[in-house]
N, C-alpha and C. Protein backbone atom coordinates (compact mmCIF):
# COMPACT_ATOMS: atom_id res chain seq x y z
N MET A 1 71.12 -10.39 141.00
CA MET A 1 72.50 -10.34 141.42
C MET A 1 72.83 -8.92 141.88
N PRO A 2 73.24 -8.75 143.14
CA PRO A 2 73.54 -7.41 143.65
C PRO A 2 74.78 -6.81 142.98
N LEU A 3 74.79 -5.50 142.89
CA LEU A 3 75.95 -4.80 142.34
C LEU A 3 76.98 -4.59 143.44
N ASP A 4 78.24 -4.65 143.08
CA ASP A 4 79.34 -4.46 144.03
C ASP A 4 79.93 -3.07 143.79
N PHE A 5 79.26 -2.03 144.32
CA PHE A 5 79.69 -0.66 144.09
C PHE A 5 81.05 -0.41 144.72
N PRO A 6 81.87 0.46 144.10
CA PRO A 6 83.17 0.82 144.68
C PRO A 6 83.01 1.44 146.07
N ASN A 7 83.94 1.14 146.98
CA ASN A 7 83.86 1.65 148.36
C ASN A 7 84.16 3.14 148.47
N THR A 8 85.09 3.65 147.65
CA THR A 8 85.47 5.07 147.73
C THR A 8 85.38 5.71 146.35
N PRO A 9 84.15 5.94 145.86
CA PRO A 9 84.00 6.52 144.52
C PRO A 9 84.40 7.99 144.50
N THR A 10 84.73 8.48 143.31
CA THR A 10 85.03 9.89 143.12
C THR A 10 83.87 10.54 142.38
N ASN A 11 83.69 11.83 142.56
CA ASN A 11 82.56 12.53 141.95
C ASN A 11 82.52 12.30 140.44
N GLY A 12 81.36 11.91 139.93
CA GLY A 12 81.18 11.68 138.50
C GLY A 12 81.60 10.30 138.03
N GLN A 13 82.12 9.46 138.93
CA GLN A 13 82.55 8.11 138.55
C GLN A 13 81.33 7.31 138.08
N ILE A 14 81.49 6.59 136.97
CA ILE A 14 80.43 5.76 136.41
C ILE A 14 80.66 4.32 136.81
N TYR A 15 79.59 3.63 137.24
CA TYR A 15 79.64 2.21 137.55
C TYR A 15 78.33 1.60 137.06
N GLU A 16 78.43 0.65 136.13
CA GLU A 16 77.25 0.06 135.51
C GLU A 16 76.38 1.19 134.95
N LYS A 17 75.12 1.30 135.39
CA LYS A 17 74.21 2.35 134.92
C LYS A 17 74.05 3.46 135.96
N TYR A 18 75.08 3.65 136.79
CA TYR A 18 74.99 4.62 137.87
C TYR A 18 76.18 5.58 137.84
N LYS A 19 75.97 6.80 138.36
CA LYS A 19 77.00 7.83 138.40
C LYS A 19 77.05 8.39 139.82
N TRP A 20 78.27 8.44 140.41
CA TRP A 20 78.41 8.91 141.80
C TRP A 20 78.18 10.40 141.89
N ASN A 21 77.30 10.80 142.79
CA ASN A 21 76.97 12.19 143.05
C ASN A 21 77.54 12.52 144.42
N ALA A 22 78.74 13.12 144.47
CA ALA A 22 79.43 13.38 145.73
C ALA A 22 78.70 14.42 146.57
N THR A 23 77.98 15.33 145.94
CA THR A 23 77.25 16.36 146.68
C THR A 23 76.22 15.73 147.62
N ASP A 24 75.48 14.73 147.10
CA ASP A 24 74.43 14.07 147.89
C ASP A 24 74.86 12.71 148.43
N SER A 25 76.08 12.27 148.09
CA SER A 25 76.61 10.96 148.51
C SER A 25 75.69 9.82 148.12
N VAL A 26 75.27 9.82 146.85
CA VAL A 26 74.39 8.77 146.32
C VAL A 26 74.83 8.38 144.91
N TRP A 27 74.41 7.19 144.50
CA TRP A 27 74.60 6.75 143.12
C TRP A 27 73.33 7.10 142.35
N ASP A 28 73.43 8.06 141.40
CA ASP A 28 72.30 8.44 140.57
C ASP A 28 72.19 7.48 139.39
N LEU A 29 70.97 7.25 138.93
CA LEU A 29 70.75 6.45 137.73
C LEU A 29 71.28 7.25 136.55
N ASN A 30 72.17 6.66 135.76
CA ASN A 30 72.83 7.36 134.66
C ASN A 30 72.51 6.65 133.35
N LEU A 31 71.74 7.29 132.50
CA LEU A 31 71.35 6.72 131.22
C LEU A 31 72.08 7.45 130.10
N PRO A 32 72.91 6.74 129.32
CA PRO A 32 73.65 7.41 128.24
C PRO A 32 72.73 8.19 127.31
N GLU A 33 73.14 9.40 126.97
CA GLU A 33 72.31 10.27 126.14
C GLU A 33 72.31 9.89 124.67
N TYR A 34 73.23 9.02 124.24
CA TYR A 34 73.22 8.64 122.82
C TYR A 34 72.06 7.71 122.50
N ILE A 35 71.41 7.16 123.52
CA ILE A 35 70.16 6.42 123.32
C ILE A 35 69.07 7.38 123.73
N ALA A 36 68.22 7.76 122.78
CA ALA A 36 67.28 8.85 123.02
C ALA A 36 66.21 8.55 124.07
N VAL A 37 65.66 7.33 124.09
CA VAL A 37 64.54 7.03 124.96
C VAL A 37 64.74 5.68 125.62
N TYR A 38 64.41 5.59 126.91
CA TYR A 38 64.47 4.33 127.66
C TYR A 38 63.08 4.01 128.19
N ASP A 39 62.64 2.78 128.02
CA ASP A 39 61.39 2.32 128.60
C ASP A 39 61.73 1.44 129.80
N PHE A 40 61.05 1.67 130.94
CA PHE A 40 61.37 0.96 132.17
C PHE A 40 60.19 0.19 132.71
N GLU A 41 60.48 -0.94 133.31
CA GLU A 41 59.55 -1.62 134.20
C GLU A 41 60.12 -1.42 135.59
N TYR A 42 59.27 -1.24 136.58
CA TYR A 42 59.77 -1.01 137.93
C TYR A 42 58.94 -1.76 138.96
N LEU A 43 59.58 -2.00 140.08
CA LEU A 43 58.95 -2.55 141.27
C LEU A 43 59.54 -1.79 142.44
N VAL A 44 58.69 -1.12 143.22
CA VAL A 44 59.15 -0.34 144.36
C VAL A 44 58.43 -0.84 145.60
N ILE A 45 59.20 -1.16 146.63
CA ILE A 45 58.63 -1.54 147.92
C ILE A 45 59.18 -0.55 148.94
N ALA A 46 58.32 0.31 149.45
CA ALA A 46 58.77 1.34 150.39
C ALA A 46 58.86 0.77 151.80
N GLY A 47 59.69 1.38 152.63
CA GLY A 47 59.85 0.94 154.00
C GLY A 47 58.55 1.06 154.78
N GLY A 48 58.30 0.13 155.67
CA GLY A 48 57.06 0.11 156.45
C GLY A 48 57.16 0.96 157.70
N GLY A 49 56.10 0.92 158.49
CA GLY A 49 56.05 1.66 159.74
C GLY A 49 56.95 1.02 160.78
N GLY A 50 57.39 1.80 161.74
CA GLY A 50 58.27 1.30 162.79
C GLY A 50 57.55 0.39 163.77
N GLY A 51 58.28 -0.54 164.35
CA GLY A 51 57.72 -1.44 165.34
C GLY A 51 57.59 -0.76 166.70
N GLY A 52 56.83 -1.39 167.57
CA GLY A 52 56.64 -0.85 168.91
C GLY A 52 57.84 -1.13 169.81
N ALA A 53 57.94 -0.38 170.90
CA ALA A 53 59.03 -0.58 171.86
C ALA A 53 58.74 -1.82 172.71
N ALA A 54 59.79 -2.46 173.18
CA ALA A 54 59.71 -3.62 174.08
C ALA A 54 58.78 -4.69 173.52
N LEU A 55 57.58 -4.82 174.08
CA LEU A 55 56.66 -5.87 173.64
C LEU A 55 55.59 -5.36 172.69
N GLY A 56 55.75 -4.14 172.18
CA GLY A 56 54.76 -3.57 171.28
C GLY A 56 54.74 -4.29 169.94
N GLY A 57 53.65 -4.15 169.21
CA GLY A 57 53.49 -4.79 167.91
C GLY A 57 54.35 -4.14 166.85
N GLY A 58 54.54 -4.85 165.76
CA GLY A 58 55.32 -4.34 164.65
C GLY A 58 54.54 -3.35 163.81
N GLY A 59 55.24 -2.58 163.02
CA GLY A 59 54.61 -1.60 162.14
C GLY A 59 54.06 -2.26 160.89
N GLY A 60 53.26 -1.54 160.16
CA GLY A 60 52.67 -2.06 158.92
C GLY A 60 53.67 -2.08 157.79
N ALA A 61 53.30 -2.80 156.74
CA ALA A 61 54.17 -2.90 155.56
C ALA A 61 54.21 -1.58 154.81
N GLY A 62 55.23 -1.41 153.98
CA GLY A 62 55.35 -0.21 153.16
C GLY A 62 54.52 -0.34 151.90
N GLY A 63 54.46 0.73 151.14
CA GLY A 63 53.71 0.73 149.89
C GLY A 63 54.36 -0.14 148.83
N TYR A 64 53.56 -0.59 147.88
CA TYR A 64 54.01 -1.46 146.80
C TYR A 64 53.51 -0.88 145.49
N ARG A 65 54.42 -0.56 144.58
CA ARG A 65 54.05 -0.01 143.27
C ARG A 65 54.78 -0.79 142.20
N SER A 66 54.09 -1.12 141.10
CA SER A 66 54.70 -1.89 140.03
C SER A 66 54.05 -1.56 138.70
N ASN A 67 54.84 -1.56 137.65
CA ASN A 67 54.28 -1.45 136.31
C ASN A 67 54.72 -2.64 135.45
N VAL A 68 55.14 -3.72 136.10
CA VAL A 68 55.59 -4.92 135.38
C VAL A 68 54.39 -5.57 134.71
N SER A 69 54.47 -5.76 133.40
CA SER A 69 53.38 -6.33 132.63
C SER A 69 52.98 -7.70 133.17
N GLY A 70 51.67 -7.90 133.38
CA GLY A 70 51.16 -9.16 133.88
C GLY A 70 51.17 -9.29 135.39
N GLU A 71 51.73 -8.30 136.10
CA GLU A 71 51.77 -8.32 137.57
C GLU A 71 50.81 -7.27 138.11
N LEU A 72 50.46 -7.40 139.38
CA LEU A 72 49.60 -6.42 140.03
C LEU A 72 50.43 -5.34 140.71
N SER A 73 49.80 -4.19 140.96
CA SER A 73 50.43 -3.14 141.74
C SER A 73 49.84 -3.18 143.15
N GLY A 74 50.04 -2.12 143.93
CA GLY A 74 49.54 -2.09 145.30
C GLY A 74 48.04 -2.27 145.41
N ARG A 75 47.59 -2.91 146.50
CA ARG A 75 46.19 -3.18 146.79
C ARG A 75 45.50 -3.96 145.69
N GLY A 76 46.27 -4.77 144.93
CA GLY A 76 45.70 -5.62 143.89
C GLY A 76 45.29 -4.89 142.63
N ALA A 77 45.70 -3.62 142.49
CA ALA A 77 45.38 -2.86 141.29
C ALA A 77 46.16 -3.39 140.10
N SER A 78 45.69 -3.10 138.92
CA SER A 78 46.41 -3.48 137.70
C SER A 78 47.76 -2.79 137.66
N ALA A 79 48.68 -3.35 136.87
CA ALA A 79 50.00 -2.73 136.71
C ALA A 79 49.83 -1.29 136.26
N GLU A 80 50.70 -0.42 136.74
CA GLU A 80 50.64 1.00 136.41
C GLU A 80 51.19 1.27 135.02
N ALA A 81 51.02 2.49 134.54
CA ALA A 81 51.51 2.87 133.22
C ALA A 81 53.03 2.79 133.16
N GLY A 82 53.56 2.57 131.97
CA GLY A 82 55.00 2.50 131.77
C GLY A 82 55.69 3.83 132.02
N VAL A 83 57.00 3.76 132.14
CA VAL A 83 57.81 4.95 132.36
C VAL A 83 58.80 5.06 131.20
N THR A 84 58.84 6.22 130.57
CA THR A 84 59.78 6.49 129.50
C THR A 84 60.63 7.68 129.91
N LEU A 85 61.95 7.52 129.88
CA LEU A 85 62.88 8.59 130.24
C LEU A 85 63.81 8.88 129.08
N LEU A 86 64.24 10.13 128.98
CA LEU A 86 65.26 10.51 128.02
C LEU A 86 66.62 10.22 128.62
N GLY A 87 67.64 10.07 127.78
CA GLY A 87 69.00 9.86 128.29
C GLY A 87 69.41 11.00 129.20
N GLY A 88 70.14 10.69 130.27
CA GLY A 88 70.57 11.69 131.24
C GLY A 88 70.81 11.04 132.59
N THR A 89 70.93 11.85 133.62
CA THR A 89 71.17 11.34 134.98
C THR A 89 69.97 11.69 135.85
N TYR A 90 69.48 10.70 136.58
CA TYR A 90 68.29 10.87 137.41
C TYR A 90 68.56 10.40 138.83
N MET A 91 68.04 11.15 139.82
CA MET A 91 68.09 10.71 141.20
C MET A 91 66.76 10.03 141.50
N VAL A 92 66.81 8.81 141.99
CA VAL A 92 65.60 8.07 142.35
C VAL A 92 65.60 7.91 143.86
N THR A 93 64.55 8.39 144.53
CA THR A 93 64.50 8.34 145.98
C THR A 93 63.20 7.69 146.44
N VAL A 94 63.31 6.74 147.34
CA VAL A 94 62.16 6.13 147.99
C VAL A 94 62.40 6.27 149.48
N GLY A 95 61.46 6.83 150.21
CA GLY A 95 61.66 7.10 151.63
C GLY A 95 61.86 5.85 152.46
N ALA A 96 62.62 5.99 153.53
CA ALA A 96 62.90 4.88 154.44
C ALA A 96 61.69 4.63 155.33
N GLY A 97 61.66 3.48 155.96
CA GLY A 97 60.59 3.13 156.87
C GLY A 97 60.70 3.88 158.18
N GLY A 98 59.69 3.72 159.02
CA GLY A 98 59.68 4.37 160.32
C GLY A 98 60.65 3.72 161.29
N SER A 99 61.07 4.48 162.29
CA SER A 99 62.00 3.94 163.28
C SER A 99 61.23 3.18 164.35
N CYS A 100 61.95 2.35 165.07
CA CYS A 100 61.38 1.56 166.16
C CYS A 100 60.90 2.47 167.28
N GLY A 101 59.86 2.05 167.99
CA GLY A 101 59.32 2.85 169.08
C GLY A 101 60.25 3.00 170.26
N GLY A 102 61.23 2.14 170.40
CA GLY A 102 62.21 2.22 171.48
C GLY A 102 63.59 2.19 170.88
N THR A 103 64.50 1.48 171.53
CA THR A 103 65.83 1.33 170.94
C THR A 103 65.77 0.19 169.95
N GLY A 104 66.44 0.31 168.88
CA GLY A 104 66.42 -0.73 167.85
C GLY A 104 66.80 -0.16 166.51
N THR A 105 66.56 -0.92 165.48
CA THR A 105 66.95 -0.49 164.14
C THR A 105 65.79 0.20 163.44
N ILE A 106 66.12 1.02 162.46
CA ILE A 106 65.09 1.72 161.70
C ILE A 106 64.63 0.85 160.55
N GLY A 107 63.51 1.23 159.93
CA GLY A 107 62.99 0.51 158.79
C GLY A 107 63.95 0.50 157.61
N VAL A 108 63.69 -0.36 156.67
CA VAL A 108 64.57 -0.53 155.51
C VAL A 108 63.82 -0.20 154.24
N THR A 109 64.49 0.41 153.29
CA THR A 109 63.91 0.71 151.99
C THR A 109 64.56 -0.19 150.95
N LEU A 110 63.73 -0.74 150.08
CA LEU A 110 64.22 -1.60 149.00
C LEU A 110 63.76 -1.01 147.69
N PHE A 111 64.68 -0.80 146.75
CA PHE A 111 64.32 -0.28 145.45
C PHE A 111 65.00 -1.14 144.39
N LEU A 112 64.23 -1.67 143.48
CA LEU A 112 64.79 -2.55 142.45
C LEU A 112 64.50 -1.96 141.08
N ILE A 113 65.52 -1.99 140.22
CA ILE A 113 65.32 -1.62 138.82
C ILE A 113 65.71 -2.84 138.01
N PRO A 114 64.73 -3.52 137.41
CA PRO A 114 65.08 -4.72 136.64
C PRO A 114 65.88 -4.38 135.41
């Protein structure tokens, strides 16, 4: 279920597990500090390469990384090691895909935190 973030947040505003960072205009992951340690499972699909102009071929897929137990990571590798974070605020960034070779839309980045 997608989150319905506020349209005009103010600096430091908290929404769900996120905190608005007005300096960078992004929602940072915000983990309350009264819980000392958080264990995460993640799935990251990075944006792929840009498509060709006019009749050119499409770009390749983006990278795939996962540490979800029982699932595979990129290139069929076993799930990666777990992630443990201390309470605090974290910026999570995954690069966007490549732009189209001509006029058109740029690649898309998808980041999911279960």
